[in-house]
Amino acid sequence: MIGKLNHVAVAVPDLGAAAKVYREIMGATVSGPQALPDHGVTVVFVDVGNTKIELLEPLGDSSPIAKFLESNPTGGMHHLCFEVDDIIAARNRLTEQGARVLGDGEPREGAHGKPVLFLHPKDFTGTLIELEQV
């Protein structure tokens, strides 16, 4: 059902500093920042060839990433994103198997302009999972 790994998301307290590490020290290509008010984050994508790393910085105090950083002040892995062909079919199959979809269960537009859903980390060995329709 799941396709390839689209990205690994890392929450960071300072997006500019984190992007600089990947760009200048690691020599990676880093996108410009993109504010996503509906998700409460600003993101950049680090291209590592076979996948991407999404660096997430809180956009406002009510951001879920701000809450994550309260527990992890230096940052850390936030979620894994997998591609699916049909996000509604994937959601329905997963919920039939007992997985919980976060929010209202309906896809929202993600950073790539495609529908996304998040799955409860307690259902996936403690890892928050994002599904993105491709």
N, C-alpha and C. Protein backbone atom coordinates (compact mmCIF):
# COMPACT_ATOMS: atom_id res chain seq x y z
N MET A 1 0.82 -1.20 0.00
CA MET A 1 0.00 0.00 0.00
C MET A 1 0.86 1.26 0.00
N ILE A 2 1.87 1.35 0.89
CA ILE A 2 2.69 2.55 0.89
C ILE A 2 3.71 2.48 -0.22
N GLY A 3 4.04 3.64 -0.70
CA GLY A 3 5.06 3.74 -1.73
C GLY A 3 6.39 4.13 -1.10
N LYS A 4 7.16 4.86 -1.86
CA LYS A 4 8.50 5.20 -1.38
C LYS A 4 8.45 6.24 -0.26
N LEU A 5 9.56 6.30 0.46
CA LEU A 5 9.73 7.31 1.49
C LEU A 5 9.89 8.65 0.80
N ASN A 6 8.98 9.58 1.07
CA ASN A 6 9.04 10.89 0.44
C ASN A 6 10.00 11.80 1.18
N HIS A 7 9.89 11.81 2.53
CA HIS A 7 10.82 12.62 3.32
C HIS A 7 10.82 12.20 4.78
N VAL A 8 11.87 12.60 5.46
CA VAL A 8 11.99 12.49 6.91
C VAL A 8 11.92 13.92 7.42
N ALA A 9 11.02 14.18 8.36
CA ALA A 9 10.84 15.53 8.88
C ALA A 9 11.56 15.68 10.21
N VAL A 10 12.30 16.78 10.33
CA VAL A 10 13.06 17.07 11.54
C VAL A 10 12.63 18.44 12.05
N ALA A 11 12.15 18.48 13.28
CA ALA A 11 11.78 19.75 13.92
C ALA A 11 13.05 20.44 14.39
N VAL A 12 13.14 21.74 14.14
CA VAL A 12 14.33 22.51 14.52
C VAL A 12 13.90 23.82 15.16
N PRO A 13 14.69 24.31 16.12
CA PRO A 13 14.34 25.58 16.75
C PRO A 13 14.73 26.79 15.91
N ASP A 14 15.66 26.63 14.97
CA ASP A 14 16.14 27.74 14.13
C ASP A 14 16.32 27.22 12.71
N LEU A 15 15.35 27.51 11.86
CA LEU A 15 15.35 26.99 10.49
C LEU A 15 16.55 27.47 9.69
N GLY A 16 16.90 28.72 9.82
CA GLY A 16 18.04 29.27 9.09
C GLY A 16 19.34 28.58 9.46
N ALA A 17 19.55 28.39 10.75
CA ALA A 17 20.78 27.72 11.21
C ALA A 17 20.82 26.27 10.76
N ALA A 18 19.68 25.59 10.83
CA ALA A 18 19.63 24.18 10.42
C ALA A 18 19.87 24.05 8.91
N ALA A 19 19.25 24.93 8.13
CA ALA A 19 19.45 24.89 6.67
C ALA A 19 20.92 25.14 6.33
N LYS A 20 21.53 26.05 7.06
CA LYS A 20 22.95 26.37 6.83
C LYS A 20 23.84 25.14 7.06
N VAL A 21 23.54 24.36 8.09
CA VAL A 21 24.32 23.14 8.36
C VAL A 21 24.26 22.21 7.17
N TYR A 22 23.05 21.98 6.65
CA TYR A 22 22.92 21.05 5.52
C TYR A 22 23.54 21.62 4.25
N ARG A 23 23.39 22.91 4.02
CA ARG A 23 23.89 23.54 2.81
C ARG A 23 25.42 23.69 2.85
N GLU A 24 25.93 24.27 3.93
CA GLU A 24 27.35 24.62 3.96
C GLU A 24 28.25 23.50 4.47
N ILE A 25 27.82 22.78 5.47
CA ILE A 25 28.67 21.73 6.02
C ILE A 25 28.50 20.42 5.26
N MET A 26 27.26 20.08 4.92
CA MET A 26 27.00 18.80 4.26
C MET A 26 26.98 18.92 2.74
N GLY A 27 26.92 20.14 2.20
CA GLY A 27 26.95 20.34 0.76
C GLY A 27 25.67 19.97 0.03
N ALA A 28 24.55 19.97 0.73
CA ALA A 28 23.26 19.60 0.13
C ALA A 28 22.58 20.80 -0.50
N THR A 29 21.67 20.53 -1.40
CA THR A 29 20.80 21.55 -1.99
C THR A 29 19.62 21.75 -1.05
N VAL A 30 19.38 22.99 -0.65
CA VAL A 30 18.32 23.31 0.29
C VAL A 30 17.37 24.30 -0.36
N SER A 31 16.06 24.01 -0.29
CA SER A 31 15.07 24.91 -0.87
C SER A 31 14.97 26.18 -0.03
N GLY A 32 14.27 27.16 -0.57
CA GLY A 32 13.94 28.35 0.21
C GLY A 32 12.85 28.03 1.21
N PRO A 33 12.69 28.87 2.25
CA PRO A 33 11.65 28.62 3.24
C PRO A 33 10.25 28.82 2.67
N GLN A 34 9.34 27.99 3.18
CA GLN A 34 7.94 28.05 2.75
C GLN A 34 7.08 28.03 4.00
N ALA A 35 6.30 29.10 4.21
CA ALA A 35 5.38 29.16 5.35
C ALA A 35 4.11 28.38 5.02
N LEU A 36 3.69 27.54 5.95
CA LEU A 36 2.46 26.76 5.81
C LEU A 36 1.55 27.05 7.01
N PRO A 37 0.84 28.18 6.97
CA PRO A 37 0.02 28.59 8.12
C PRO A 37 -1.00 27.54 8.55
N ASP A 38 -1.57 26.79 7.60
CA ASP A 38 -2.56 25.77 7.96
C ASP A 38 -1.96 24.65 8.81
N HIS A 39 -0.65 24.46 8.70
CA HIS A 39 0.04 23.42 9.47
C HIS A 39 0.84 24.01 10.63
N GLY A 40 0.94 25.34 10.69
CA GLY A 40 1.64 26.00 11.78
C GLY A 40 3.15 25.86 11.72
N VAL A 41 3.69 25.76 10.49
CA VAL A 41 5.13 25.57 10.34
C VAL A 41 5.68 26.37 9.16
N THR A 42 6.98 26.60 9.21
CA THR A 42 7.75 27.04 8.05
C THR A 42 8.70 25.90 7.77
N VAL A 43 8.85 25.55 6.48
CA VAL A 43 9.66 24.40 6.11
C VAL A 43 10.69 24.76 5.05
N VAL A 44 11.75 23.97 5.02
CA VAL A 44 12.66 23.90 3.87
C VAL A 44 12.87 22.43 3.60
N PHE A 45 13.21 22.11 2.35
CA PHE A 45 13.50 20.74 1.98
C PHE A 45 14.95 20.62 1.58
N VAL A 46 15.60 19.60 2.12
CA VAL A 46 16.98 19.29 1.82
C VAL A 46 16.96 18.09 0.87
N ASP A 47 17.49 18.28 -0.33
CA ASP A 47 17.52 17.20 -1.32
C ASP A 47 18.75 16.34 -1.06
N VAL A 48 18.51 15.06 -0.77
CA VAL A 48 19.63 14.14 -0.54
C VAL A 48 19.66 13.04 -1.60
N GLY A 49 19.07 13.31 -2.75
CA GLY A 49 19.13 12.37 -3.87
C GLY A 49 17.99 11.38 -3.89
N ASN A 50 18.01 10.40 -2.99
CA ASN A 50 16.99 9.36 -3.02
C ASN A 50 15.74 9.72 -2.20
N THR A 51 15.80 10.80 -1.43
CA THR A 51 14.65 11.29 -0.67
C THR A 51 14.94 12.73 -0.25
N LYS A 52 14.13 13.24 0.66
CA LYS A 52 14.34 14.61 1.15
C LYS A 52 14.30 14.61 2.68
N ILE A 53 14.89 15.63 3.24
CA ILE A 53 14.73 15.91 4.66
C ILE A 53 13.96 17.21 4.73
N GLU A 54 12.87 17.20 5.47
CA GLU A 54 12.05 18.39 5.67
C GLU A 54 12.42 18.97 7.03
N LEU A 55 12.93 20.19 7.04
CA LEU A 55 13.22 20.87 8.30
C LEU A 55 12.02 21.73 8.64
N LEU A 56 11.50 21.57 9.86
CA LEU A 56 10.28 22.25 10.31
C LEU A 56 10.60 23.21 11.45
N GLU A 57 10.13 24.44 11.31
CA GLU A 57 10.25 25.43 12.39
C GLU A 57 8.84 25.89 12.74
N PRO A 58 8.55 26.11 14.02
CA PRO A 58 7.21 26.57 14.39
C PRO A 58 6.86 27.91 13.73
N LEU A 59 5.62 28.03 13.35
CA LEU A 59 5.08 29.29 12.83
C LEU A 59 4.03 29.73 13.85
N GLY A 60 4.49 30.41 14.89
CA GLY A 60 3.59 30.85 15.96
C GLY A 60 3.66 29.94 17.17
N ASP A 61 3.21 30.46 18.30
CA ASP A 61 3.28 29.73 19.56
C ASP A 61 2.33 28.55 19.64
N SER A 62 1.27 28.55 18.84
CA SER A 62 0.30 27.45 18.90
C SER A 62 0.66 26.31 17.94
N SER A 63 1.79 26.42 17.28
CA SER A 63 2.24 25.39 16.35
C SER A 63 2.47 24.06 17.06
N PRO A 64 2.08 22.94 16.45
CA PRO A 64 2.41 21.65 17.05
C PRO A 64 3.92 21.44 17.15
N ILE A 65 4.68 22.09 16.30
CA ILE A 65 6.14 21.97 16.37
C ILE A 65 6.68 22.74 17.58
N ALA A 66 6.04 23.84 17.96
CA ALA A 66 6.45 24.55 19.18
C ALA A 66 6.28 23.64 20.38
N LYS A 67 5.18 22.91 20.41
CA LYS A 67 4.94 21.97 21.52
C LYS A 67 5.97 20.85 21.50
N PHE A 68 6.30 20.35 20.31
CA PHE A 68 7.32 19.30 20.17
C PHE A 68 8.66 19.80 20.70
N LEU A 69 9.01 21.04 20.36
CA LEU A 69 10.31 21.59 20.78
C LEU A 69 10.37 21.88 22.28
N GLU A 70 9.21 22.04 22.93
CA GLU A 70 9.22 22.18 24.39
C GLU A 70 9.82 20.94 25.04
N SER A 71 9.50 19.78 24.47
CA SER A 71 10.03 18.52 25.00
C SER A 71 11.40 18.17 24.41
N ASN A 72 11.71 18.73 23.26
CA ASN A 72 12.95 18.44 22.53
C ASN A 72 13.57 19.75 22.10
N PRO A 73 14.13 20.54 23.02
CA PRO A 73 14.55 21.91 22.71
C PRO A 73 15.61 22.05 21.63
N THR A 74 16.41 21.03 21.39
CA THR A 74 17.42 21.12 20.33
C THR A 74 16.90 20.56 19.01
N GLY A 75 15.65 20.07 18.99
CA GLY A 75 15.06 19.52 17.79
C GLY A 75 15.13 18.00 17.78
N GLY A 76 14.65 17.42 16.69
CA GLY A 76 14.67 15.97 16.55
C GLY A 76 13.73 15.51 15.46
N MET A 77 13.81 14.20 15.16
CA MET A 77 12.95 13.63 14.13
C MET A 77 11.48 13.78 14.53
N HIS A 78 10.68 14.29 13.62
CA HIS A 78 9.27 14.53 13.91
C HIS A 78 8.36 13.50 13.26
N HIS A 79 8.55 13.22 11.96
CA HIS A 79 7.71 12.23 11.29
C HIS A 79 8.37 11.68 10.04
N LEU A 80 7.80 10.58 9.55
CA LEU A 80 8.17 10.00 8.26
C LEU A 80 7.00 10.20 7.32
N CYS A 81 7.30 10.51 6.06
CA CYS A 81 6.25 10.69 5.07
C CYS A 81 6.40 9.65 3.97
N PHE A 82 5.33 8.90 3.75
CA PHE A 82 5.30 7.89 2.70
C PHE A 82 4.31 8.29 1.61
N GLU A 83 4.64 7.95 0.39
CA GLU A 83 3.76 8.23 -0.74
C GLU A 83 2.70 7.14 -0.90
N VAL A 84 1.51 7.57 -1.29
CA VAL A 84 0.43 6.64 -1.63
C VAL A 84 -0.21 7.10 -2.92
N ASP A 85 -0.76 6.16 -3.68
CA ASP A 85 -1.41 6.51 -4.94
C ASP A 85 -2.79 7.15 -4.72
N ASP A 86 -3.52 6.65 -3.73
CA ASP A 86 -4.89 7.12 -3.47
C ASP A 86 -5.02 7.30 -1.96
N ILE A 87 -5.00 8.54 -1.52
CA ILE A 87 -4.98 8.81 -0.07
C ILE A 87 -6.29 8.40 0.61
N ILE A 88 -7.42 8.51 -0.07
CA ILE A 88 -8.70 8.11 0.53
C ILE A 88 -8.75 6.59 0.69
N ALA A 89 -8.31 5.85 -0.33
CA ALA A 89 -8.28 4.39 -0.23
C ALA A 89 -7.31 3.95 0.87
N ALA A 90 -6.17 4.62 0.95
CA ALA A 90 -5.19 4.29 2.00
C ALA A 90 -5.78 4.57 3.38
N ARG A 91 -6.43 5.73 3.54
CA ARG A 91 -7.05 6.07 4.82
C ARG A 91 -8.09 5.03 5.21
N ASN A 92 -8.95 4.67 4.26
CA ASN A 92 -10.02 3.73 4.55
C ASN A 92 -9.46 2.36 4.94
N ARG A 93 -8.45 1.90 4.24
CA ARG A 93 -7.83 0.62 4.55
C ARG A 93 -7.19 0.65 5.93
N LEU A 94 -6.48 1.72 6.23
CA LEU A 94 -5.81 1.83 7.52
C LEU A 94 -6.79 1.93 8.68
N THR A 95 -7.86 2.70 8.52
CA THR A 95 -8.84 2.82 9.61
C THR A 95 -9.58 1.50 9.81
N GLU A 96 -9.81 0.75 8.74
CA GLU A 96 -10.42 -0.58 8.87
C GLU A 96 -9.53 -1.51 9.68
N GLN A 97 -8.22 -1.27 9.63
CA GLN A 97 -7.25 -2.07 10.37
C GLN A 97 -7.03 -1.54 11.79
N GLY A 98 -7.71 -0.45 12.15
CA GLY A 98 -7.63 0.09 13.49
C GLY A 98 -6.71 1.29 13.66
N ALA A 99 -6.08 1.75 12.59
CA ALA A 99 -5.21 2.93 12.68
C ALA A 99 -6.06 4.18 12.86
N ARG A 100 -5.51 5.14 13.59
CA ARG A 100 -6.21 6.40 13.83
C ARG A 100 -5.60 7.51 12.98
N VAL A 101 -6.47 8.25 12.31
CA VAL A 101 -6.05 9.41 11.52
C VAL A 101 -6.21 10.63 12.41
N LEU A 102 -5.21 11.48 12.44
CA LEU A 102 -5.27 12.68 13.26
C LEU A 102 -6.14 13.75 12.61
N GLY A 103 -6.60 14.70 13.40
CA GLY A 103 -7.46 15.77 12.90
C GLY A 103 -8.85 15.24 12.61
N ASP A 104 -9.47 15.81 11.59
CA ASP A 104 -10.84 15.40 11.25
C ASP A 104 -10.89 14.21 10.30
N GLY A 105 -9.73 13.67 9.94
CA GLY A 105 -9.68 12.50 9.07
C GLY A 105 -9.71 12.81 7.59
N GLU A 106 -9.86 14.08 7.26
CA GLU A 106 -9.89 14.48 5.85
C GLU A 106 -8.51 15.01 5.44
N PRO A 107 -8.09 14.70 4.22
CA PRO A 107 -6.80 15.20 3.74
C PRO A 107 -6.76 16.72 3.69
N ARG A 108 -5.57 17.27 3.95
CA ARG A 108 -5.31 18.70 3.80
C ARG A 108 -4.19 18.86 2.79
N GLU A 109 -4.06 20.05 2.26
CA GLU A 109 -2.97 20.32 1.32
C GLU A 109 -1.65 20.42 2.08
N GLY A 110 -0.64 19.67 1.63
CA GLY A 110 0.66 19.67 2.27
C GLY A 110 1.63 20.62 1.58
N ALA A 111 2.89 20.54 1.98
CA ALA A 111 3.92 21.44 1.49
C ALA A 111 4.18 21.32 -0.01
N HIS A 112 3.88 20.16 -0.57
CA HIS A 112 4.08 19.97 -2.01
C HIS A 112 2.81 20.25 -2.82
N GLY A 113 1.79 20.80 -2.15
CA GLY A 113 0.53 21.10 -2.83
C GLY A 113 -0.31 19.87 -3.09
N LYS A 114 -0.02 18.77 -2.40
CA LYS A 114 -0.75 17.51 -2.58
C LYS A 114 -1.45 17.14 -1.29
N PRO A 115 -2.49 16.31 -1.38
CA PRO A 115 -3.23 15.92 -0.17
C PRO A 115 -2.36 15.09 0.78
N VAL A 116 -2.47 15.40 2.08
CA VAL A 116 -1.74 14.67 3.12
C VAL A 116 -2.66 14.34 4.29
N LEU A 117 -2.29 13.28 5.00
CA LEU A 117 -2.93 12.88 6.25
C LEU A 117 -1.85 12.47 7.23
N PHE A 118 -2.12 12.61 8.51
CA PHE A 118 -1.20 12.15 9.54
C PHE A 118 -1.85 11.03 10.34
N LEU A 119 -1.05 10.02 10.68
CA LEU A 119 -1.52 8.86 11.41
C LEU A 119 -0.93 8.87 12.82
N HIS A 120 -1.72 8.46 13.79
CA HIS A 120 -1.33 8.52 15.19
C HIS A 120 -0.07 7.70 15.46
N PRO A 121 0.92 8.32 16.13
CA PRO A 121 2.18 7.61 16.37
C PRO A 121 2.02 6.36 17.25
N LYS A 122 1.03 6.32 18.11
CA LYS A 122 0.86 5.13 18.96
C LYS A 122 0.47 3.91 18.16
N ASP A 123 -0.03 4.11 16.94
CA ASP A 123 -0.40 2.99 16.08
C ASP A 123 0.76 2.52 15.20
N PHE A 124 1.88 3.25 15.23
CA PHE A 124 3.02 2.96 14.35
C PHE A 124 4.33 3.02 15.11
N THR A 125 4.42 2.21 16.15
CA THR A 125 5.62 2.05 16.98
C THR A 125 6.22 3.38 17.44
N GLY A 126 5.36 4.32 17.78
CA GLY A 126 5.82 5.59 18.32
C GLY A 126 6.26 6.62 17.30
N THR A 127 5.99 6.36 16.02
CA THR A 127 6.41 7.26 14.96
C THR A 127 5.20 7.89 14.29
N LEU A 128 5.18 9.22 14.24
CA LEU A 128 4.14 9.94 13.51
C LEU A 128 4.36 9.67 12.02
N ILE A 129 3.30 9.27 11.33
CA ILE A 129 3.39 8.95 9.90
C ILE A 129 2.53 9.93 9.13
N GLU A 130 3.12 10.48 8.06
CA GLU A 130 2.38 11.32 7.12
C GLU A 130 2.23 10.51 5.83
N LEU A 131 1.04 10.55 5.26
CA LEU A 131 0.80 9.98 3.94
C LEU A 131 0.58 11.12 2.97
N GLU A 132 1.22 11.05 1.80
CA GLU A 132 1.08 12.08 0.78
C GLU A 132 0.66 11.41 -0.52
N GLN A 133 -0.42 11.88 -1.09
CA GLN A 133 -0.86 11.33 -2.38
C GLN A 133 0.04 11.87 -3.48
N VAL A 134 0.48 10.95 -4.36
CA VAL A 134 1.34 11.36 -5.47
C VAL A 134 0.63 11.19 -6.80
